[in-house]
N, C-alpha and C. Protein backbone atom coordinates (compact mmCIF):
# COMPACT_ATOMS: atom_id res chain seq x y z
N UNK A 1 0.84 -1.18 0.00
CA UNK A 1 0.00 0.00 0.00
C UNK A 1 0.89 1.24 0.00
N UNK A 2 0.55 2.17 -0.88
CA UNK A 2 1.29 3.43 -0.95
C UNK A 2 0.98 4.30 0.26
N UNK A 3 1.95 5.10 0.66
CA UNK A 3 1.74 6.00 1.78
C UNK A 3 0.81 7.15 1.39
N UNK A 4 1.14 7.84 0.29
CA UNK A 4 0.34 8.97 -0.18
C UNK A 4 -0.01 8.76 -1.65
N UNK A 5 -1.29 8.92 -1.95
CA UNK A 5 -1.76 8.83 -3.32
C UNK A 5 -2.43 10.12 -3.73
N UNK A 6 -2.40 10.42 -5.01
CA UNK A 6 -3.05 11.61 -5.57
C UNK A 6 -3.98 11.15 -6.68
N UNK A 7 -5.17 11.68 -6.68
CA UNK A 7 -6.16 11.36 -7.70
C UNK A 7 -6.80 12.69 -8.11
N UNK A 8 -7.32 12.79 -9.30
CA UNK A 8 -7.85 14.08 -9.73
C UNK A 8 -9.04 13.94 -10.68
N UNK A 9 -9.81 15.01 -10.75
CA UNK A 9 -10.94 15.08 -11.67
C UNK A 9 -11.61 16.44 -11.56
N UNK A 10 -12.48 16.74 -12.51
CA UNK A 10 -13.22 18.00 -12.43
C UNK A 10 -14.36 17.88 -11.43
N UNK A 11 -15.00 16.72 -11.39
CA UNK A 11 -16.10 16.45 -10.47
C UNK A 11 -17.21 17.48 -10.63
N UNK A 12 -17.53 17.79 -11.90
CA UNK A 12 -18.57 18.78 -12.20
C UNK A 12 -19.92 18.09 -12.20
N UNK A 13 -20.10 17.44 -11.22
CA UNK A 13 -21.21 16.78 -10.58
C UNK A 13 -20.64 15.45 -10.12
N UNK A 14 -20.30 15.41 -8.88
CA UNK A 14 -19.78 14.17 -8.30
C UNK A 14 -20.85 13.10 -8.42
N UNK A 15 -20.52 12.01 -9.09
CA UNK A 15 -21.49 10.94 -9.32
C UNK A 15 -20.93 9.60 -8.85
N UNK A 16 -21.71 8.56 -8.99
CA UNK A 16 -21.32 7.25 -8.47
C UNK A 16 -20.09 6.69 -9.19
N UNK A 17 -19.89 7.02 -10.44
CA UNK A 17 -18.67 6.61 -11.14
C UNK A 17 -17.44 7.26 -10.53
N UNK A 18 -17.58 8.54 -10.16
CA UNK A 18 -16.47 9.22 -9.48
C UNK A 18 -16.17 8.54 -8.14
N UNK A 19 -17.20 8.15 -7.43
CA UNK A 19 -16.98 7.52 -6.13
C UNK A 19 -16.28 6.17 -6.30
N UNK A 20 -16.61 5.43 -7.33
CA UNK A 20 -15.89 4.18 -7.61
C UNK A 20 -14.40 4.48 -7.77
N UNK A 21 -14.09 5.50 -8.53
CA UNK A 21 -12.72 5.94 -8.81
C UNK A 21 -12.01 6.41 -7.54
N UNK A 22 -12.66 7.29 -6.77
CA UNK A 22 -12.05 7.81 -5.55
C UNK A 22 -11.80 6.70 -4.53
N UNK A 23 -12.76 5.82 -4.35
CA UNK A 23 -12.61 4.76 -3.35
C UNK A 23 -11.58 3.71 -3.79
N UNK A 24 -11.48 3.47 -5.10
CA UNK A 24 -10.43 2.56 -5.59
C UNK A 24 -9.05 3.15 -5.33
N UNK A 25 -8.92 4.46 -5.49
CA UNK A 25 -7.66 5.13 -5.18
C UNK A 25 -7.36 5.04 -3.69
N UNK A 26 -8.37 5.27 -2.87
CA UNK A 26 -8.16 5.23 -1.42
C UNK A 26 -7.74 3.84 -0.95
N UNK A 27 -8.22 2.80 -1.58
CA UNK A 27 -7.84 1.43 -1.22
C UNK A 27 -6.36 1.17 -1.44
N UNK A 28 -5.72 1.96 -2.29
CA UNK A 28 -4.31 1.75 -2.64
C UNK A 28 -3.33 2.55 -1.78
N UNK A 29 -3.85 3.43 -0.91
CA UNK A 29 -2.94 4.27 -0.13
C UNK A 29 -3.50 4.54 1.27
N UNK A 30 -2.61 4.97 2.13
CA UNK A 30 -3.04 5.34 3.48
C UNK A 30 -3.70 6.71 3.51
N UNK A 31 -3.18 7.63 2.69
CA UNK A 31 -3.66 9.01 2.67
C UNK A 31 -3.87 9.42 1.22
N UNK A 32 -5.07 9.86 0.90
CA UNK A 32 -5.41 10.21 -0.48
C UNK A 32 -5.61 11.72 -0.60
N UNK A 33 -4.92 12.31 -1.56
CA UNK A 33 -5.12 13.71 -1.90
C UNK A 33 -5.98 13.74 -3.16
N UNK A 34 -7.12 14.40 -3.05
CA UNK A 34 -8.07 14.48 -4.15
C UNK A 34 -7.95 15.87 -4.77
N UNK A 35 -7.50 15.91 -6.03
CA UNK A 35 -7.32 17.18 -6.72
C UNK A 35 -8.53 17.53 -7.56
N UNK A 36 -8.99 18.75 -7.40
CA UNK A 36 -10.11 19.26 -8.20
C UNK A 36 -9.55 20.06 -9.37
N UNK A 37 -9.75 19.54 -10.58
CA UNK A 37 -9.30 20.23 -11.79
C UNK A 37 -10.24 21.40 -12.11
N UNK A 38 -9.74 22.33 -12.91
CA UNK A 38 -10.51 23.53 -13.25
C UNK A 38 -11.08 24.17 -11.99
N UNK A 39 -10.19 24.45 -11.00
CA UNK A 39 -10.70 25.01 -9.75
C UNK A 39 -11.35 26.38 -9.92
N UNK A 40 -10.95 27.12 -10.95
CA UNK A 40 -11.60 28.39 -11.27
C UNK A 40 -11.36 28.70 -12.74
N UNK A 41 -11.99 29.72 -13.23
CA UNK A 41 -11.93 30.07 -14.65
C UNK A 41 -10.50 30.34 -15.12
N UNK A 42 -9.64 30.84 -14.23
CA UNK A 42 -8.26 31.13 -14.59
C UNK A 42 -7.41 29.87 -14.75
N UNK A 43 -7.89 28.75 -14.23
CA UNK A 43 -7.15 27.49 -14.32
C UNK A 43 -7.80 26.53 -15.32
N UNK A 44 -8.66 27.06 -16.15
CA UNK A 44 -9.36 26.27 -17.16
C UNK A 44 -8.79 26.63 -18.52
N UNK A 45 -8.52 25.61 -19.32
CA UNK A 45 -7.92 25.84 -20.63
C UNK A 45 -8.48 24.83 -21.62
N UNK A 46 -8.64 25.25 -22.84
CA UNK A 46 -9.14 24.41 -23.93
C UNK A 46 -8.15 23.28 -24.24
N UNK A 47 -8.69 22.11 -24.51
CA UNK A 47 -7.89 20.99 -25.00
C UNK A 47 -8.66 20.34 -26.14
N UNK A 48 -8.00 20.15 -27.27
CA UNK A 48 -8.67 19.52 -28.41
C UNK A 48 -9.01 18.06 -28.13
N UNK A 49 -8.34 17.46 -27.15
CA UNK A 49 -8.63 16.07 -26.79
C UNK A 49 -10.00 15.94 -26.12
N UNK A 50 -10.51 17.03 -25.56
CA UNK A 50 -11.82 17.01 -24.93
C UNK A 50 -12.32 18.46 -24.82
N UNK A 51 -12.80 19.01 -25.92
CA UNK A 51 -13.14 20.44 -25.98
C UNK A 51 -14.22 20.90 -25.00
N UNK A 52 -15.19 20.05 -24.69
CA UNK A 52 -16.30 20.51 -23.85
C UNK A 52 -15.87 20.81 -22.42
N UNK A 53 -14.75 20.26 -21.96
CA UNK A 53 -14.31 20.45 -20.57
C UNK A 53 -14.02 21.89 -20.21
N UNK A 54 -13.77 22.72 -21.18
CA UNK A 54 -13.43 24.12 -20.88
C UNK A 54 -14.64 25.06 -21.00
N UNK A 55 -15.77 24.55 -21.43
CA UNK A 55 -16.95 25.40 -21.62
C UNK A 55 -17.63 25.71 -20.29
N UNK A 56 -18.22 26.88 -20.22
CA UNK A 56 -18.89 27.31 -19.00
C UNK A 56 -20.00 26.39 -18.55
N UNK A 57 -20.83 25.90 -19.49
CA UNK A 57 -21.94 25.04 -19.08
C UNK A 57 -21.48 23.66 -18.63
N UNK A 58 -20.23 23.31 -18.89
CA UNK A 58 -19.66 22.05 -18.41
C UNK A 58 -18.98 22.24 -17.04
N UNK A 59 -18.95 23.47 -16.57
CA UNK A 59 -18.29 23.80 -15.30
C UNK A 59 -19.19 24.70 -14.44
N UNK A 60 -20.41 24.26 -14.15
CA UNK A 60 -21.34 25.14 -13.43
C UNK A 60 -21.11 25.23 -11.92
N UNK A 61 -20.35 24.29 -11.36
CA UNK A 61 -20.18 24.26 -9.92
C UNK A 61 -18.88 24.93 -9.50
N UNK A 62 -18.91 25.63 -8.41
CA UNK A 62 -17.71 26.28 -7.89
C UNK A 62 -16.79 25.24 -7.26
N UNK A 63 -15.56 25.64 -7.06
CA UNK A 63 -14.60 24.79 -6.35
C UNK A 63 -15.17 24.42 -4.98
N UNK A 64 -15.70 25.41 -4.27
CA UNK A 64 -16.24 25.18 -2.93
C UNK A 64 -17.37 24.15 -2.95
N UNK A 65 -18.28 24.25 -3.91
CA UNK A 65 -19.39 23.29 -3.99
C UNK A 65 -18.86 21.88 -4.24
N UNK A 66 -17.90 21.75 -5.15
CA UNK A 66 -17.33 20.43 -5.44
C UNK A 66 -16.57 19.89 -4.23
N UNK A 67 -15.83 20.77 -3.55
CA UNK A 67 -15.12 20.39 -2.33
C UNK A 67 -16.11 19.81 -1.31
N UNK A 68 -17.20 20.51 -1.07
CA UNK A 68 -18.19 20.06 -0.10
C UNK A 68 -18.80 18.71 -0.49
N UNK A 69 -19.10 18.53 -1.77
CA UNK A 69 -19.70 17.27 -2.23
C UNK A 69 -18.72 16.11 -2.08
N UNK A 70 -17.46 16.34 -2.41
CA UNK A 70 -16.45 15.28 -2.29
C UNK A 70 -16.25 14.93 -0.82
N UNK A 71 -16.04 15.94 0.01
CA UNK A 71 -15.80 15.67 1.43
C UNK A 71 -16.98 14.93 2.06
N UNK A 72 -18.18 15.41 1.83
CA UNK A 72 -19.36 14.77 2.40
C UNK A 72 -19.55 13.35 1.90
N UNK A 73 -19.28 13.12 0.63
CA UNK A 73 -19.46 11.78 0.06
C UNK A 73 -18.38 10.81 0.53
N UNK A 74 -17.17 11.29 0.69
CA UNK A 74 -16.10 10.43 1.23
C UNK A 74 -16.42 10.04 2.66
N UNK A 75 -16.86 10.99 3.47
CA UNK A 75 -17.24 10.68 4.85
C UNK A 75 -18.43 9.73 4.88
N UNK A 76 -19.40 9.97 4.03
CA UNK A 76 -20.58 9.10 3.93
C UNK A 76 -20.17 7.67 3.56
N UNK A 77 -19.09 7.54 2.78
CA UNK A 77 -18.60 6.22 2.36
C UNK A 77 -17.72 5.56 3.42
N UNK A 78 -17.52 6.25 4.53
CA UNK A 78 -16.77 5.66 5.64
C UNK A 78 -15.29 5.96 5.65
N UNK A 79 -14.83 6.88 4.82
CA UNK A 79 -13.42 7.25 4.81
C UNK A 79 -13.21 8.33 5.88
N UNK A 80 -12.35 8.07 6.87
CA UNK A 80 -12.13 9.07 7.92
C UNK A 80 -11.50 10.35 7.36
N UNK A 81 -11.87 11.47 7.96
CA UNK A 81 -11.39 12.78 7.53
C UNK A 81 -9.87 12.90 7.58
N UNK A 82 -9.23 12.18 8.48
CA UNK A 82 -7.76 12.27 8.58
C UNK A 82 -7.04 11.36 7.58
N UNK A 83 -7.79 10.75 6.65
CA UNK A 83 -7.18 9.89 5.63
C UNK A 83 -7.28 10.46 4.21
N UNK A 84 -7.80 11.69 4.09
CA UNK A 84 -7.85 12.31 2.77
C UNK A 84 -7.85 13.81 2.90
N UNK A 85 -7.51 14.46 1.80
CA UNK A 85 -7.55 15.91 1.71
C UNK A 85 -8.01 16.27 0.31
N UNK A 86 -8.47 17.50 0.13
CA UNK A 86 -8.97 17.96 -1.16
C UNK A 86 -8.27 19.27 -1.47
N UNK A 87 -7.70 19.35 -2.68
CA UNK A 87 -6.91 20.51 -3.07
C UNK A 87 -7.20 20.89 -4.53
N UNK A 88 -6.85 22.11 -4.94
CA UNK A 88 -6.91 22.44 -6.36
C UNK A 88 -5.90 21.59 -7.14
N UNK A 89 -6.21 21.28 -8.37
CA UNK A 89 -5.33 20.47 -9.22
C UNK A 89 -5.39 21.04 -10.63
N UNK A 90 -4.60 22.07 -10.91
CA UNK A 90 -4.66 22.73 -12.22
C UNK A 90 -3.98 21.90 -13.32
N UNK A 91 -4.62 20.82 -13.73
CA UNK A 91 -4.04 19.90 -14.72
C UNK A 91 -3.73 20.60 -16.03
N UNK A 92 -4.46 21.67 -16.35
CA UNK A 92 -4.20 22.41 -17.58
C UNK A 92 -2.93 23.25 -17.51
N UNK A 93 -2.40 23.40 -16.32
CA UNK A 93 -1.16 24.13 -16.08
C UNK A 93 -0.26 23.26 -15.22
N UNK A 94 0.25 22.17 -15.79
CA UNK A 94 0.98 21.18 -14.99
C UNK A 94 2.18 21.75 -14.24
N UNK A 95 2.77 22.83 -14.73
CA UNK A 95 3.91 23.42 -14.04
C UNK A 95 3.52 23.96 -12.66
N UNK A 96 2.23 24.10 -12.39
CA UNK A 96 1.75 24.60 -11.10
C UNK A 96 1.36 23.49 -10.12
N UNK A 97 1.28 22.26 -10.59
CA UNK A 97 0.74 21.18 -9.77
C UNK A 97 1.46 21.00 -8.44
N UNK A 98 2.78 21.09 -8.43
CA UNK A 98 3.50 20.80 -7.20
C UNK A 98 3.38 21.91 -6.16
N UNK A 99 2.62 22.95 -6.48
CA UNK A 99 2.23 23.93 -5.46
C UNK A 99 1.10 23.37 -4.59
N UNK A 100 0.44 22.30 -5.06
CA UNK A 100 -0.74 21.76 -4.40
C UNK A 100 -0.59 20.31 -3.95
N UNK A 101 0.24 19.56 -4.64
CA UNK A 101 0.39 18.12 -4.35
C UNK A 101 1.87 17.76 -4.31
N UNK A 102 2.20 16.70 -3.57
CA UNK A 102 3.61 16.29 -3.50
C UNK A 102 4.05 15.57 -4.77
N UNK A 103 5.26 15.85 -5.17
CA UNK A 103 5.79 15.21 -6.37
C UNK A 103 6.04 13.72 -6.15
N UNK A 104 6.40 13.34 -4.93
CA UNK A 104 6.81 11.96 -4.67
C UNK A 104 5.66 11.02 -4.30
N UNK A 105 4.43 11.41 -4.55
CA UNK A 105 3.27 10.55 -4.28
C UNK A 105 3.04 9.60 -5.46
N UNK A 106 2.15 8.66 -5.29
CA UNK A 106 1.67 7.80 -6.38
C UNK A 106 0.45 8.50 -6.98
N UNK A 107 0.43 8.62 -8.31
CA UNK A 107 -0.65 9.31 -9.00
C UNK A 107 -1.57 8.27 -9.65
N UNK A 108 -2.80 8.17 -9.14
CA UNK A 108 -3.76 7.20 -9.64
C UNK A 108 -4.59 7.81 -10.77
N UNK A 109 -4.76 7.02 -11.80
CA UNK A 109 -5.53 7.47 -12.96
C UNK A 109 -6.36 6.33 -13.52
N UNK A 110 -7.34 6.71 -14.30
CA UNK A 110 -8.08 5.76 -15.14
C UNK A 110 -7.98 6.30 -16.56
N UNK A 111 -8.05 5.41 -17.51
CA UNK A 111 -7.95 5.80 -18.92
C UNK A 111 -9.27 5.48 -19.60
N UNK A 112 -9.88 6.51 -20.19
CA UNK A 112 -11.13 6.35 -20.94
C UNK A 112 -11.02 6.85 -22.37
N UNK A 113 -10.17 7.86 -22.59
CA UNK A 113 -10.20 8.54 -23.88
C UNK A 113 -8.88 9.28 -24.12
N UNK A 114 -8.84 10.07 -25.18
CA UNK A 114 -7.64 10.84 -25.53
C UNK A 114 -7.28 11.85 -24.45
N UNK A 115 -8.28 12.43 -23.80
CA UNK A 115 -8.02 13.38 -22.73
C UNK A 115 -7.27 12.70 -21.58
N UNK A 116 -7.67 11.49 -21.24
CA UNK A 116 -6.98 10.73 -20.19
C UNK A 116 -5.52 10.52 -20.56
N UNK A 117 -5.28 10.18 -21.82
CA UNK A 117 -3.91 9.95 -22.28
C UNK A 117 -3.09 11.24 -22.27
N UNK A 118 -3.74 12.36 -22.61
CA UNK A 118 -3.06 13.66 -22.59
C UNK A 118 -2.64 14.01 -21.15
N UNK A 119 -3.54 13.78 -20.19
CA UNK A 119 -3.22 14.05 -18.79
C UNK A 119 -2.09 13.14 -18.30
N UNK A 120 -2.15 11.89 -18.69
CA UNK A 120 -1.11 10.93 -18.30
C UNK A 120 0.25 11.40 -18.81
N UNK A 121 0.29 11.83 -20.06
CA UNK A 121 1.55 12.32 -20.63
C UNK A 121 2.07 13.53 -19.88
N UNK A 122 1.18 14.46 -19.53
CA UNK A 122 1.59 15.65 -18.77
C UNK A 122 2.21 15.26 -17.44
N UNK A 123 1.58 14.32 -16.75
CA UNK A 123 2.09 13.88 -15.45
C UNK A 123 3.41 13.13 -15.60
N UNK A 124 3.52 12.32 -16.63
CA UNK A 124 4.78 11.60 -16.88
C UNK A 124 5.92 12.58 -17.15
N UNK A 125 5.64 13.63 -17.91
CA UNK A 125 6.67 14.62 -18.22
C UNK A 125 7.15 15.35 -16.96
N UNK A 126 6.30 15.39 -15.94
CA UNK A 126 6.69 15.99 -14.66
C UNK A 126 7.45 15.00 -13.77
N UNK A 127 7.50 13.74 -14.20
CA UNK A 127 8.19 12.72 -13.42
C UNK A 127 7.32 12.03 -12.39
N UNK A 128 6.01 12.16 -12.52
CA UNK A 128 5.10 11.53 -11.56
C UNK A 128 5.08 10.02 -11.73
N UNK A 129 4.95 9.31 -10.62
CA UNK A 129 4.83 7.86 -10.60
C UNK A 129 3.34 7.54 -10.74
N UNK A 130 2.94 7.00 -11.88
CA UNK A 130 1.54 6.81 -12.22
C UNK A 130 1.12 5.35 -12.08
N UNK A 131 -0.06 5.16 -11.50
CA UNK A 131 -0.69 3.84 -11.40
C UNK A 131 -2.02 3.92 -12.15
N UNK A 132 -2.11 3.21 -13.27
CA UNK A 132 -3.36 3.17 -14.04
C UNK A 132 -4.25 2.11 -13.38
N UNK A 133 -5.34 2.56 -12.78
CA UNK A 133 -6.22 1.63 -12.06
C UNK A 133 -7.07 0.79 -13.00
N UNK A 134 -7.50 1.38 -14.11
CA UNK A 134 -8.20 0.61 -15.13
C UNK A 134 -8.24 1.39 -16.43
N UNK A 135 -8.47 0.64 -17.51
CA UNK A 135 -8.66 1.21 -18.84
C UNK A 135 -10.03 0.76 -19.31
N UNK A 136 -10.87 1.71 -19.66
CA UNK A 136 -12.22 1.42 -20.13
C UNK A 136 -12.56 2.39 -21.25
N UNK A 137 -13.61 2.08 -21.98
CA UNK A 137 -14.09 3.02 -22.98
C UNK A 137 -15.13 3.93 -22.32
N UNK A 138 -15.42 5.05 -22.95
CA UNK A 138 -16.45 5.95 -22.43
C UNK A 138 -17.79 5.24 -22.30
N UNK A 139 -18.04 4.26 -23.17
CA UNK A 139 -19.30 3.51 -23.11
C UNK A 139 -19.40 2.68 -21.82
N UNK A 140 -18.27 2.39 -21.19
CA UNK A 140 -18.26 1.59 -19.97
C UNK A 140 -18.40 2.41 -18.69
N UNK A 141 -18.51 3.73 -18.82
CA UNK A 141 -18.66 4.58 -17.64
C UNK A 141 -19.98 4.31 -16.94
N UNK A 142 -19.97 4.41 -15.62
CA UNK A 142 -21.19 4.27 -14.83
C UNK A 142 -22.18 5.36 -15.23
N UNK A 143 -21.69 6.58 -15.31
CA UNK A 143 -22.43 7.74 -15.78
C UNK A 143 -21.40 8.82 -16.06
N UNK A 144 -21.85 10.01 -16.33
CA UNK A 144 -20.93 11.12 -16.54
C UNK A 144 -21.53 12.38 -15.93
N UNK A 145 -20.68 13.35 -15.65
CA UNK A 145 -21.18 14.62 -15.16
C UNK A 145 -22.11 15.26 -16.17
N UNK A 146 -21.79 15.10 -17.45
CA UNK A 146 -22.65 15.65 -18.51
C UNK A 146 -24.04 15.04 -18.43
N UNK A 147 -24.11 13.72 -18.23
CA UNK A 147 -25.42 13.07 -18.14
C UNK A 147 -26.20 13.57 -16.92
N UNK A 148 -25.53 13.67 -15.79
CA UNK A 148 -26.22 14.13 -14.58
C UNK A 148 -26.72 15.56 -14.76
N UNK A 149 -25.86 16.45 -15.28
CA UNK A 149 -26.28 17.83 -15.49
C UNK A 149 -27.45 17.92 -16.48
N UNK A 150 -27.40 17.10 -17.52
CA UNK A 150 -28.48 17.08 -18.51
C UNK A 150 -29.79 16.61 -17.87
N UNK A 151 -29.72 15.56 -17.08
CA UNK A 151 -30.93 15.06 -16.40
C UNK A 151 -31.52 16.16 -15.51
N UNK A 152 -30.67 16.84 -14.76
CA UNK A 152 -31.15 17.91 -13.88
C UNK A 152 -31.81 19.00 -14.70
N UNK A 153 -31.12 19.47 -15.75
CA UNK A 153 -31.65 20.56 -16.57
C UNK A 153 -32.97 20.21 -17.25
N UNK A 154 -33.12 18.91 -17.59
CA UNK A 154 -34.34 18.46 -18.26
C UNK A 154 -35.43 18.01 -17.30
N UNK A 155 -35.17 18.11 -16.00
CA UNK A 155 -36.17 17.72 -15.01
C UNK A 155 -36.35 16.22 -14.87
N UNK A 156 -35.40 15.43 -15.33
CA UNK A 156 -35.47 13.97 -15.21
C UNK A 156 -34.93 13.53 -13.85
N UNK A 157 -35.27 12.32 -13.46
CA UNK A 157 -34.77 11.77 -12.20
C UNK A 157 -33.27 11.53 -12.30
N UNK A 158 -32.51 12.09 -11.38
CA UNK A 158 -31.05 11.95 -11.38
C UNK A 158 -30.50 11.45 -10.06
N UNK A 159 -31.36 11.30 -9.07
CA UNK A 159 -30.93 10.92 -7.73
C UNK A 159 -30.13 9.61 -7.73
N UNK A 160 -30.49 8.66 -8.57
CA UNK A 160 -29.83 7.35 -8.60
C UNK A 160 -28.41 7.41 -9.18
N UNK A 161 -28.03 8.52 -9.77
CA UNK A 161 -26.71 8.66 -10.41
C UNK A 161 -25.64 9.23 -9.48
N UNK A 162 -26.05 9.76 -8.34
CA UNK A 162 -25.12 10.45 -7.44
C UNK A 162 -25.18 9.86 -6.03
N UNK A 163 -24.12 10.05 -5.24
CA UNK A 163 -24.18 9.64 -3.84
C UNK A 163 -25.30 10.39 -3.11
N UNK A 164 -25.84 9.77 -2.06
CA UNK A 164 -26.92 10.40 -1.31
C UNK A 164 -26.53 11.79 -0.82
N UNK A 165 -25.29 11.95 -0.34
CA UNK A 165 -24.86 13.25 0.16
C UNK A 165 -24.96 14.31 -0.94
N UNK A 166 -24.53 13.98 -2.14
CA UNK A 166 -24.57 14.94 -3.25
C UNK A 166 -26.00 15.35 -3.54
N UNK A 167 -26.90 14.39 -3.58
CA UNK A 167 -28.30 14.71 -3.86
C UNK A 167 -28.84 15.68 -2.80
N UNK A 168 -28.62 15.37 -1.54
CA UNK A 168 -29.11 16.22 -0.46
C UNK A 168 -28.47 17.60 -0.50
N UNK A 169 -27.17 17.64 -0.77
CA UNK A 169 -26.45 18.92 -0.84
C UNK A 169 -27.01 19.78 -1.98
N UNK A 170 -27.21 19.17 -3.14
CA UNK A 170 -27.72 19.90 -4.30
C UNK A 170 -29.12 20.47 -4.01
N UNK A 171 -29.98 19.66 -3.42
CA UNK A 171 -31.34 20.08 -3.14
C UNK A 171 -31.35 21.16 -2.05
N UNK A 172 -30.64 20.93 -0.96
CA UNK A 172 -30.68 21.87 0.17
C UNK A 172 -30.05 23.22 -0.18
N UNK A 173 -29.13 23.23 -1.13
CA UNK A 173 -28.50 24.49 -1.55
C UNK A 173 -29.09 25.04 -2.85
N UNK A 174 -30.16 24.39 -3.33
CA UNK A 174 -30.88 24.82 -4.54
C UNK A 174 -29.99 24.90 -5.78
N UNK A 175 -28.97 24.06 -5.81
CA UNK A 175 -28.07 24.04 -6.96
C UNK A 175 -28.77 23.41 -8.15
N UNK A 176 -29.61 22.42 -7.89
CA UNK A 176 -30.37 21.80 -8.98
C UNK A 176 -31.27 22.85 -9.64
N UNK A 177 -31.90 23.69 -8.84
CA UNK A 177 -32.75 24.75 -9.38
C UNK A 177 -31.92 25.74 -10.21
N UNK A 178 -30.74 26.09 -9.70
CA UNK A 178 -29.87 27.01 -10.43
C UNK A 178 -29.49 26.43 -11.79
N UNK A 179 -29.19 25.13 -11.86
CA UNK A 179 -28.85 24.49 -13.14
C UNK A 179 -30.04 24.50 -14.09
N UNK A 180 -31.24 24.25 -13.57
CA UNK A 180 -32.43 24.29 -14.43
C UNK A 180 -32.70 25.71 -14.93
N UNK A 181 -32.49 26.70 -14.07
CA UNK A 181 -32.76 28.09 -14.44
C UNK A 181 -31.75 28.63 -15.46
N UNK A 182 -30.56 28.08 -15.48
CA UNK A 182 -29.49 28.57 -16.36
C UNK A 182 -29.31 27.71 -17.61
N UNK A 183 -30.38 27.12 -18.09
CA UNK A 183 -30.29 26.25 -19.27
C UNK A 183 -29.80 26.97 -20.45
């Protein structure tokens, strides 16, 4: 088991597929650092490997909202607070990463598409020790943030796609209403 692991994602709607990923990373290390990509508009950049990731409607949640959803869902899943942390992870500006995460950690990733491969290459160029947890196609995803956001905007049932904490957080903070209003 690794001492410190780093995992990352945009988490622009933390869903059950993300939790599978986060918990698989946590199983491999004693302490998991969860990096939130695109923490703000200044750390977001276009990539031809996945153009939609930089668009405003693909990034409706603030860093703070995503932080709260991740923390609450990790605790809900039984991971003690002293076994993980959540930090910004500006993957689009890899030269800044070591301001937020340790270089000597194990970096956990999954591979789904060209964007995954582009991120892997960026981390390798920085000298990161990478552990590919699985390789799947996009068709094999449990769900996606895009699907969850679309269901919310269209008024469809989305509760089954997200952890219970996320659903309650979204409803109690009226974030679901904000997404529907900003279609």
